[in-house]
Amino acid sequence: MPVRHSETDNKVKIKPRILALSVSAAVWFAPVSASNLQEQTHQPQAVLSQLISMALNNDSNRKQYFAQSQALRETGVASATLMDPKIKVGFGGLPVDSFKFDEDPMTNISVGLMQQFERGSTLELQQKKSNQQADGVGLQIDARELDVINSMTQLWLELGYQQQAKTIMLENRRLLKEMESFIQTNYSIGKSEAQDLLNAQLQVSKLDEKLQANQQMQQRLMAQLSEWLGANWSEQIQNVSASNQLNWIKLDQQLNENLASSEYYQQLSLHPMVQMASQTISTSETQVEIAQQAYQPQFGVEVMYAYRQANGMMGEPASDLVSAYLTMDIPLFTGNRQDRNLAAAQYQVGAAKSQKDTLLAQMNAKVNALLVDRTNLAQRLERYQSTLLPQANARIRAVERGYQNNTSQFNDVITASADELALQLEQQRLIADLNIVNSNLAALLDGFDYQVEPVTLAQGEQE
């Protein structure tokens, strides 16, 4: 049986290479301690923090909301100012037969000043409303910051997963390439079958295709990050090394504060979107106060001075005249205007409160749904670590022994290796998914730990 003996020799020679694949997987996915995890994620997390800081400092939306907020404050100051006084200049009592100012004592040249006052505390309330609206727009800056941080973090995690997947596939490709080279050598001397060589070549080609798809996805993610970092950011920062796992110390602290309940309303009340809803309620309540001022009378003052040139009845110069008037409009018929405006403002308060309640319910449900995902993903990762990957490793060893003892085919070796590769990639996918869930939770529960510089506008940006 010379041929069978040579095949057995070949299988023995292949075995160390297959073992190398198994050992590399075992080392790569060994249990990670907390200290090791912190060391592995520290540098990528520091890079991510720098990128987020750079993105926020250059974010035009933050500047837009800041400018809108300042505009509303300036409008509030303007709306709290009295109307400009009116000046009235004219003449009266001019005789039409002569058009002389010094002929008739009734003829005068008059100058008047008129000032209108707003009803009740309308001016102060209008400024208060404008400031509340400005505060609401200012909260959009915080919401924008959370959105940018969350979006960039998720893209970073996706990029980290793709880079991890590439590393795994490159290592598997190297080992498969060694197998292909070995089988090619044996095939050339008639010690291996053609189907084994073709199968090995096919597996290498499949990995090349996956690597190309991986490269495409990495480039796509880098392009998406350019929304905040600029089109040439990847050229300025060479060899970006991302990660599919980050530290979530602050998020864990937030979650530990509410372990016994599924209601997170107190923590959610600090979210910018909820604070914006609260600000909308306050603004609507101020509008109710403004509507109530419409029941107050509106006053106006008018003062006039009349200069006379003619003499009086006794031949003496006629005295000049001074007039003063107080005007007041009284809201007597309020049924179709004041009452309706007040009712509309009160309805707006109710609508704003309902909107906030709905928002809180939606956000709380989202938190609980994310926590379900978080728990299940952690359990699935534990299964991969404790069961699936060790079983895949044991299967490869068993297939190797069977191939060595001529009870398994080379296809079985390839299948076992492909299954282990799939499990490795699936585990990395779960790690990325778990961290993406953490990112979404952090966005809802104030779990991000970033310091953001306040928005300022340059002189040219205010014009």
Protein backbone atom coordinates (compact mmCIF):
# COMPACT_ATOMS: atom_id res chain seq x y z
CA MET A 1 0.00 0.00 0.00
CA PRO A 2 2.68 2.57 -0.95
CA VAL A 3 0.25 5.22 -2.07
CA ARG A 4 -1.79 5.06 1.13
CA HIS A 5 1.43 5.22 3.14
CA SER A 6 2.51 8.39 1.34
CA GLU A 7 -0.91 10.01 1.87
CA THR A 8 -0.61 9.29 5.57
CA ASP A 9 2.80 10.93 5.59
CA ASN A 10 1.33 13.96 3.85
CA LYS A 11 -1.44 14.22 6.40
CA VAL A 12 1.08 14.08 9.22
CA LYS A 13 3.00 16.91 7.61
CA ILE A 14 -0.13 19.01 7.22
CA LYS A 15 -1.13 18.55 10.82
CA PRO A 16 1.21 21.18 12.36
CA ARG A 17 -0.21 23.81 10.03
CA ILE A 18 -3.79 22.95 10.95
CA LEU A 19 -2.80 23.01 14.60
CA ALA A 20 -1.32 26.44 14.08
CA LEU A 21 -4.71 27.66 12.87
CA SER A 22 -6.40 26.24 15.96
CA VAL A 23 -3.83 27.59 18.39
CA SER A 24 -3.92 31.04 16.81
CA ALA A 25 -7.68 31.16 17.32
CA ALA A 26 -7.35 30.01 20.91
CA VAL A 27 -4.74 32.66 21.67
CA TRP A 28 -6.66 35.39 19.83
CA PHE A 29 -9.87 34.77 21.74
CA ALA A 30 -8.43 33.92 25.12
CA PRO A 31 -10.41 35.33 28.07
CA VAL A 32 -9.66 39.03 28.52
CA SER A 33 -9.19 40.36 32.02
CA ALA A 34 -10.35 43.83 33.02
CA SER A 35 -6.80 45.15 33.13
CA ASN A 36 -5.99 43.70 29.71
CA LEU A 37 -9.19 45.09 28.26
CA GLN A 38 -8.40 48.55 29.61
CA GLU A 39 -4.91 48.36 28.14
CA GLN A 40 -6.20 47.16 24.75
CA THR A 41 -8.94 49.77 24.47
CA HIS A 42 -7.12 52.73 26.02
CA GLN A 43 -5.24 53.85 22.94
CA PRO A 44 -8.12 53.49 20.40
CA GLN A 45 -10.46 55.17 22.88
CA ALA A 46 -8.03 58.07 23.28
CA VAL A 47 -7.86 58.45 19.50
CA LEU A 48 -11.66 58.37 19.30
CA SER A 49 -11.89 61.06 21.99
CA GLN A 50 -9.54 63.29 20.01
CA LEU A 51 -11.52 62.76 16.82
CA ILE A 52 -14.81 63.54 18.57
CA SER A 53 -13.34 66.69 20.12
CA MET A 54 -12.08 67.79 16.71
CA ALA A 55 -15.44 67.04 15.10
CA LEU A 56 -17.44 68.98 17.69
CA ASN A 57 -15.16 71.99 17.61
CA ASN A 58 -15.64 72.21 13.84
CA ASP A 59 -19.32 71.27 13.78
CA SER A 60 -21.34 73.91 11.93
CA ASN A 61 -24.66 72.74 13.40
CA ARG A 62 -23.55 73.65 16.92
CA LYS A 63 -22.61 77.11 15.68
CA GLN A 64 -25.95 77.36 13.89
CA TYR A 65 -27.94 76.58 17.04
CA PHE A 66 -25.79 78.93 19.11
CA ALA A 67 -26.36 81.77 16.63
CA GLN A 68 -30.11 81.08 16.61
CA SER A 69 -30.16 81.11 20.41
CA GLN A 70 -28.35 84.44 20.54
CA ALA A 71 -30.70 85.83 17.91
CA LEU A 72 -33.71 84.93 20.06
CA ARG A 73 -32.17 86.63 23.09
CA GLU A 74 -31.57 89.79 21.10
CA THR A 75 -35.14 89.60 19.83
CA GLY A 76 -36.32 89.29 23.43
CA VAL A 77 -34.55 92.50 24.39
CA ALA A 78 -36.12 94.27 21.42
CA SER A 79 -39.60 92.94 22.18
CA ALA A 80 -39.36 94.14 25.81
CA THR A 81 -38.84 97.75 24.71
CA LEU A 82 -41.63 100.31 24.54
CA MET A 83 -42.80 101.47 21.16
CA ASP A 84 -41.05 104.58 19.91
CA PRO A 85 -42.92 107.79 20.78
CA LYS A 86 -44.70 109.61 17.99
CA ILE A 87 -44.32 113.32 17.28
CA LYS A 88 -47.23 115.28 15.84
CA VAL A 89 -46.56 118.68 14.20
CA GLY A 90 -49.24 120.85 12.61
CA PHE A 91 -51.31 123.99 12.77
CA GLY A 92 -54.93 124.76 13.48
CA GLY A 93 -57.45 127.60 13.30
CA LEU A 94 -55.85 129.16 10.20
CA PRO A 95 -58.24 131.60 8.47
CA VAL A 96 -58.81 130.61 4.87
CA ASP A 97 -59.40 134.15 3.63
CA SER A 98 -55.92 135.39 4.50
CA PHE A 99 -53.88 132.32 5.58
CA LYS A 100 -52.12 134.51 8.15
CA PHE A 101 -50.90 133.07 11.45
CA ASP A 102 -51.02 136.38 13.33
CA GLU A 103 -54.52 137.49 12.45
CA ASP A 104 -56.83 135.22 14.46
CA PRO A 105 -56.13 134.34 18.13
CA MET A 106 -57.37 130.82 17.45
CA THR A 107 -54.56 130.18 14.97
CA ASN A 108 -51.72 128.12 16.45
CA ILE A 109 -48.76 126.01 15.48
CA SER A 110 -48.70 122.87 17.59
CA VAL A 111 -46.14 120.20 18.45
CA GLY A 112 -47.26 117.02 20.19
CA LEU A 113 -45.65 113.90 21.65
CA MET A 114 -47.52 110.58 21.90
CA GLN A 115 -46.42 107.43 23.79
CA GLN A 116 -48.24 104.10 23.78
CA PHE A 117 -47.78 101.57 26.62
CA GLU A 118 -48.29 97.80 26.40
CA ARG A 119 -50.96 96.01 28.38
CA GLY A 120 -49.97 94.91 31.88
CA SER A 121 -46.67 92.98 31.99
CA THR A 122 -46.70 92.05 28.32
CA LEU A 123 -43.22 93.42 27.59
CA GLU A 124 -41.53 91.55 30.45
CA LEU A 125 -43.35 88.36 29.54
CA GLN A 126 -42.37 88.64 25.90
CA GLN A 127 -38.71 88.89 26.87
CA LYS A 128 -39.15 85.94 29.22
CA LYS A 129 -40.68 83.91 26.40
CA SER A 130 -37.86 84.79 24.01
CA ASN A 131 -35.26 83.76 26.59
CA GLN A 132 -37.08 80.47 27.14
CA GLN A 133 -37.11 79.84 23.41
CA ALA A 134 -33.40 80.69 23.30
CA ASP A 135 -32.74 78.18 26.09
CA GLY A 136 -34.66 75.57 24.10
CA VAL A 137 -32.55 76.20 21.01
CA GLY A 138 -29.45 76.11 23.20
CA LEU A 139 -30.42 72.62 24.32
CA GLN A 140 -30.31 71.58 20.67
CA ILE A 141 -26.55 72.12 20.93
CA ASP A 142 -26.39 69.45 23.64
CA ALA A 143 -28.62 67.15 21.58
CA ARG A 144 -26.40 67.69 18.55
CA GLU A 145 -23.30 66.87 20.59
CA LEU A 146 -24.86 63.61 21.77
CA ASP A 147 -25.88 62.74 18.22
CA VAL A 148 -22.38 63.36 16.87
CA ILE A 149 -20.71 61.44 19.70
CA ASN A 150 -23.07 58.48 19.33
CA SER A 151 -22.84 58.37 15.54
CA MET A 152 -19.05 58.63 15.50
CA THR A 153 -18.72 56.03 18.25
CA GLN A 154 -20.86 53.54 16.33
CA LEU A 155 -18.91 54.11 13.12
CA TRP A 156 -15.68 53.71 15.08
CA LEU A 157 -16.90 50.40 16.52
CA GLU A 158 -17.92 49.20 13.05
CA LEU A 159 -14.51 50.19 11.72
CA GLY A 160 -12.88 48.36 14.62
CA TYR A 161 -14.88 45.24 13.82
CA GLN A 162 -13.86 45.36 10.17
CA GLN A 163 -10.21 45.74 11.16
CA GLN A 164 -10.46 42.82 13.58
CA ALA A 165 -12.15 40.72 10.91
CA LYS A 166 -9.40 41.61 8.45
CA THR A 167 -6.72 40.51 10.90
CA ILE A 168 -8.46 37.17 11.46
CA MET A 169 -9.00 36.56 7.76
CA LEU A 170 -5.41 37.48 6.88
CA GLU A 171 -4.10 34.98 9.43
CA ASN A 172 -6.40 32.28 8.07
CA ARG A 173 -5.39 33.14 4.52
CA ARG A 174 -1.73 32.81 5.44
CA LEU A 175 -2.31 29.36 6.87
CA LEU A 176 -4.46 28.27 3.93
CA LYS A 177 -1.82 29.58 1.54
CA GLU A 178 0.75 27.41 3.30
CA MET A 179 -1.57 24.42 2.89
CA GLU A 180 -2.06 25.21 -0.77
CA SER A 181 1.68 25.46 -1.32
CA PHE A 182 2.28 22.20 0.49
CA ILE A 183 -0.44 20.37 -1.44
CA GLN A 184 0.83 21.88 -4.69
CA THR A 185 4.27 20.43 -3.99
CA ASN A 186 2.87 17.01 -3.16
CA TYR A 187 0.52 17.09 -6.13
CA SER A 188 3.41 17.79 -8.49
CA ILE A 189 5.06 14.56 -7.35
CA GLY A 190 1.83 12.60 -7.34
CA LYS A 191 1.30 12.43 -3.58
CA SER A 192 -1.88 14.55 -3.36
CA GLU A 193 -5.18 14.51 -5.20
CA ALA A 194 -6.24 17.24 -7.59
CA GLN A 195 -9.47 17.89 -5.71
CA ASP A 196 -7.51 18.70 -2.54
CA LEU A 197 -5.44 21.26 -4.41
CA LEU A 198 -8.49 22.80 -6.08
CA ASN A 199 -10.32 22.92 -2.78
CA ALA A 200 -7.42 24.69 -1.08
CA GLN A 201 -7.17 27.19 -3.93
CA LEU A 202 -10.92 27.80 -3.75
CA GLN A 203 -10.75 28.56 -0.03
CA VAL A 204 -7.96 31.08 -0.62
CA SER A 205 -9.99 32.75 -3.38
CA LYS A 206 -13.04 32.93 -1.11
CA LEU A 207 -10.97 34.63 1.57
CA ASP A 208 -9.61 37.08 -1.01
CA GLU A 209 -13.20 37.99 -1.89
CA LYS A 210 -14.08 38.49 1.78
CA LEU A 211 -10.98 40.64 2.25
CA GLN A 212 -11.98 42.80 -0.70
CA ALA A 213 -15.47 43.25 0.74
CA ASN A 214 -13.88 44.07 4.09
CA GLN A 215 -11.68 46.72 2.48
CA GLN A 216 -14.73 48.21 0.76
CA MET A 217 -16.58 48.47 4.06
CA GLN A 218 -13.60 50.07 5.82
CA GLN A 219 -13.31 52.71 3.10
CA ARG A 220 -17.05 53.33 3.31
CA LEU A 221 -16.87 53.85 7.08
CA MET A 222 -13.92 56.21 6.71
CA ALA A 223 -15.92 58.18 4.15
CA GLN A 224 -18.88 58.40 6.54
CA LEU A 225 -16.65 59.77 9.29
CA SER A 226 -15.60 62.56 6.93
CA GLU A 227 -19.02 64.16 7.55
CA TRP A 228 -17.62 65.50 10.82
CA LEU A 229 -13.86 65.27 10.30
CA GLY A 230 -13.49 66.64 6.78
CA ALA A 231 -12.81 64.94 3.48
CA ASN A 232 -9.06 64.57 4.06
CA TRP A 233 -9.05 63.50 7.69
CA SER A 234 -7.75 59.99 6.99
CA GLU A 235 -4.79 61.47 5.11
CA GLN A 236 -3.92 63.69 8.06
CA ILE A 237 -4.15 60.80 10.53
CA GLN A 238 -2.20 57.86 9.18
CA ASN A 239 -2.78 54.21 10.15
CA VAL A 240 -6.03 54.67 12.05
CA SER A 241 -6.36 51.74 14.43
CA ALA A 242 -9.96 51.46 15.62
CA SER A 243 -11.49 49.02 18.08
CA ASN A 244 -14.80 47.20 18.35
CA GLN A 245 -14.84 47.48 22.15
CA LEU A 246 -14.60 50.49 24.46
CA ASN A 247 -14.69 51.17 28.19
CA TRP A 248 -18.14 52.05 29.54
CA ILE A 249 -17.33 52.93 33.14
CA LYS A 250 -19.73 55.88 33.40
CA LEU A 251 -22.55 53.96 31.73
CA ASP A 252 -22.10 51.04 34.13
CA GLN A 253 -22.32 53.46 37.04
CA GLN A 254 -25.54 54.92 35.66
CA LEU A 255 -27.08 51.49 35.19
CA ASN A 256 -26.02 50.31 38.65
CA GLU A 257 -28.02 53.15 40.18
CA ASN A 258 -31.27 51.67 38.86
CA LEU A 259 -30.83 47.90 39.00
CA ALA A 260 -34.13 47.16 40.74
CA SER A 261 -36.42 49.04 38.36
CA SER A 262 -37.25 49.26 34.69
CA GLU A 263 -38.20 52.94 34.97
CA TYR A 264 -35.45 55.36 34.03
CA TYR A 265 -37.50 58.57 33.98
CA GLN A 266 -35.29 60.39 36.48
CA GLN A 267 -32.15 59.76 34.44
CA LEU A 268 -33.94 60.42 31.16
CA SER A 269 -35.13 63.80 32.47
CA LEU A 270 -31.53 64.99 32.06
CA HIS A 271 -31.52 64.16 28.35
CA PRO A 272 -31.46 67.27 26.11
CA MET A 273 -34.54 66.15 24.18
CA VAL A 274 -36.56 65.83 27.40
CA GLN A 275 -35.23 69.17 28.66
CA MET A 276 -36.28 70.71 25.36
CA ALA A 277 -39.78 69.31 25.91
CA SER A 278 -39.80 70.83 29.41
CA GLN A 279 -38.67 74.13 27.96
CA THR A 280 -41.52 73.98 25.45
CA ILE A 281 -43.95 73.58 28.36
CA SER A 282 -42.47 76.61 30.12
CA THR A 283 -42.67 78.66 26.93
CA SER A 284 -46.31 77.66 26.45
CA GLU A 285 -47.13 78.61 30.05
CA THR A 286 -45.54 82.01 29.48
CA GLN A 287 -47.71 82.40 26.40
CA VAL A 288 -50.75 81.79 28.63
CA GLU A 289 -49.59 84.65 30.86
CA ILE A 290 -49.17 86.87 27.80
CA ALA A 291 -52.69 85.97 26.66
CA GLN A 292 -54.03 86.92 30.10
CA GLN A 293 -52.48 90.38 29.77
CA ALA A 294 -54.84 91.02 26.85
CA TYR A 295 -57.62 91.55 29.42
CA GLN A 296 -55.73 94.55 30.84
CA PRO A 297 -56.44 98.04 29.45
CA GLN A 298 -53.86 99.65 27.20
CA PHE A 299 -52.82 103.20 28.03
CA GLY A 300 -51.42 106.01 25.94
CA VAL A 301 -50.25 109.53 26.79
CA GLU A 302 -50.31 112.57 24.52
CA VAL A 303 -48.89 116.03 25.31
CA MET A 304 -49.20 119.00 22.92
CA TYR A 305 -47.86 122.56 22.92
CA ALA A 306 -49.59 125.22 20.73
CA TYR A 307 -47.79 128.43 19.82
CA ARG A 308 -49.94 131.51 18.92
CA GLN A 309 -48.72 134.65 17.13
CA ALA A 310 -51.91 136.78 17.05
CA ASN A 311 -53.05 139.18 19.75
CA GLY A 312 -55.95 138.47 22.00
CA MET A 313 -59.29 140.31 22.27
CA MET A 314 -57.72 142.94 24.53
CA GLY A 315 -54.86 143.62 22.12
CA GLU A 316 -52.33 141.73 24.16
CA PRO A 317 -50.31 138.80 22.77
CA ALA A 318 -52.36 135.62 23.03
CA SER A 319 -51.02 133.04 25.47
CA ASP A 320 -49.63 129.75 24.17
CA LEU A 321 -51.61 126.58 24.87
CA VAL A 322 -50.67 123.23 26.45
CA SER A 323 -52.81 120.10 26.10
CA ALA A 324 -52.43 116.67 27.75
CA TYR A 325 -54.48 113.55 27.06
CA LEU A 326 -54.66 110.04 28.48
CA THR A 327 -56.00 107.38 26.16
CA MET A 328 -57.16 103.95 27.25
CA ASP A 329 -58.74 101.15 25.31
CA ILE A 330 -60.94 98.88 27.40
CA PRO A 331 -61.32 95.22 26.33
CA LEU A 332 -65.07 94.91 26.69
CA PHE A 333 -65.82 92.44 23.91
CA THR A 334 -63.47 89.55 24.67
CA GLY A 335 -65.46 86.59 23.44
CA ASN A 336 -63.96 86.17 19.98
CA ARG A 337 -60.43 87.41 20.57
CA GLN A 338 -59.01 87.43 24.10
CA ASP A 339 -60.96 84.38 25.27
CA ARG A 340 -60.04 82.40 22.18
CA ASN A 341 -56.37 83.33 22.36
CA LEU A 342 -56.23 82.33 26.03
CA ALA A 343 -57.93 79.01 25.33
CA ALA A 344 -55.52 78.33 22.46
CA ALA A 345 -52.53 79.05 24.71
CA GLN A 346 -53.88 76.72 27.39
CA TYR A 347 -54.38 73.96 24.83
CA GLN A 348 -50.76 74.40 23.78
CA VAL A 349 -49.65 73.80 27.37
CA GLY A 350 -51.62 70.56 27.48
CA ALA A 351 -50.21 69.48 24.13
CA ALA A 352 -46.64 70.21 25.26
CA LYS A 353 -47.10 68.18 28.45
CA SER A 354 -48.53 65.25 26.50
CA GLN A 355 -45.63 65.46 24.08
CA LYS A 356 -43.15 65.24 26.95
CA ASP A 357 -44.97 62.26 28.48
CA THR A 358 -44.94 60.47 25.13
CA LEU A 359 -41.26 61.21 24.62
CA LEU A 360 -40.35 59.88 28.08
CA ALA A 361 -42.38 56.72 27.51
CA GLN A 362 -40.71 56.12 24.15
CA MET A 363 -37.23 56.73 25.51
CA ASN A 364 -37.82 54.53 28.56
CA ALA A 365 -39.06 51.72 26.31
CA LYS A 366 -35.99 52.13 24.13
CA VAL A 367 -33.72 51.90 27.17
CA ASN A 368 -35.38 48.68 28.30
CA ALA A 369 -35.19 47.21 24.80
CA LEU A 370 -31.48 48.05 24.63
CA LEU A 371 -30.94 46.48 28.04
CA VAL A 372 -32.56 43.28 26.78
CA ASP A 373 -30.17 43.30 23.82
CA ARG A 374 -27.26 44.04 26.15
CA THR A 375 -28.04 41.10 28.43
CA ASN A 376 -28.58 38.64 25.60
CA LEU A 377 -25.48 39.74 23.69
CA ALA A 378 -23.38 39.29 26.83
CA GLN A 379 -24.82 35.80 27.31
CA ARG A 380 -24.18 34.88 23.69
CA LEU A 381 -20.60 36.11 23.94
CA GLU A 382 -20.12 33.96 27.01
CA ARG A 383 -21.40 30.96 25.04
CA TYR A 384 -18.94 31.65 22.25
CA GLN A 385 -16.09 31.91 24.75
CA SER A 386 -16.98 28.94 26.91
CA THR A 387 -18.57 26.54 24.41
CA LEU A 388 -18.61 27.29 20.69
CA LEU A 389 -14.97 28.24 20.11
CA PRO A 390 -13.58 25.42 22.29
CA GLN A 391 -15.88 22.98 20.48
CA ALA A 392 -14.72 24.26 17.11
CA ASN A 393 -11.13 23.88 18.23
CA ALA A 394 -11.78 20.34 19.44
CA ARG A 395 -13.52 19.50 16.17
CA ILE A 396 -10.50 20.62 14.14
CA ARG A 397 -8.24 18.44 16.27
CA ALA A 398 -10.57 15.47 15.80
CA VAL A 399 -10.73 16.03 12.03
CA GLU A 400 -6.95 16.26 11.90
CA ARG A 401 -6.63 12.94 13.72
CA GLY A 402 -9.18 11.40 11.39
CA TYR A 403 -7.35 12.75 8.36
CA GLN A 404 -4.10 11.39 9.75
CA ASN A 405 -5.71 7.99 10.31
CA ASN A 406 -7.32 8.04 6.86
CA THR A 407 -10.88 8.22 8.26
CA SER A 408 -11.55 11.84 7.18
CA GLN A 409 -11.26 13.67 3.91
CA PHE A 410 -9.38 16.88 3.25
CA ASN A 411 -12.78 18.52 2.66
CA ASP A 412 -13.58 17.82 6.32
CA VAL A 413 -10.44 19.71 7.35
CA ILE A 414 -11.39 22.68 5.17
CA THR A 415 -14.98 22.65 6.45
CA ALA A 416 -13.86 22.59 10.07
CA SER A 417 -11.44 25.46 9.47
CA ALA A 418 -14.12 27.48 7.66
CA ASP A 419 -16.58 26.91 10.50
CA GLU A 420 -14.05 28.09 13.06
CA LEU A 421 -13.32 31.20 10.98
CA ALA A 422 -17.05 31.93 10.84
CA LEU A 423 -17.32 31.56 14.62
CA GLN A 424 -14.38 33.88 15.15
CA LEU A 425 -15.96 36.55 12.96
CA GLU A 426 -19.36 36.07 14.59
CA GLN A 427 -17.81 36.56 18.02
CA GLN A 428 -16.19 39.81 16.92
CA ARG A 429 -19.53 40.87 15.42
CA LEU A 430 -21.24 40.26 18.75
CA ILE A 431 -18.56 42.28 20.57
CA ALA A 432 -19.17 45.18 18.18
CA ASP A 433 -22.96 44.85 18.52
CA LEU A 434 -22.71 44.85 22.32
CA ASN A 435 -20.64 48.03 22.27
CA ILE A 436 -23.04 49.67 19.80
CA VAL A 437 -25.88 48.89 22.22
CA ASN A 438 -23.80 50.46 24.99
CA SER A 439 -23.29 53.54 22.82
CA ASN A 440 -27.04 53.93 22.30
CA LEU A 441 -27.63 53.48 26.03
CA ALA A 442 -24.95 56.05 26.83
CA ALA A 443 -26.66 58.54 24.52
CA LEU A 444 -29.91 58.10 26.45
CA LEU A 445 -28.58 57.84 30.01
CA ASP A 446 -25.72 60.33 29.97
CA GLY A 447 -23.16 57.54 29.79
CA PHE A 448 -20.60 59.30 27.61
CA ASP A 449 -17.62 60.83 29.35
CA TYR A 450 -16.46 63.67 27.10
CA GLN A 451 -15.57 67.27 27.82
CA VAL A 452 -16.79 69.63 25.10
CA GLU A 453 -15.66 73.21 24.73
CA PRO A 454 -18.49 75.79 24.66
CA VAL A 455 -19.52 77.21 21.31
CA THR A 456 -18.17 80.60 20.32
CA LEU A 457 -18.59 82.61 17.15
CA ALA A 458 -15.83 84.56 15.49
CA GLN A 459 -16.54 88.14 14.48
CA GLY A 460 -16.91 87.18 10.84
CA GLU A 461 -19.43 84.44 11.70
CA GLN A 462 -21.78 86.98 13.30
CA GLU A 463 -22.27 88.91 10.08
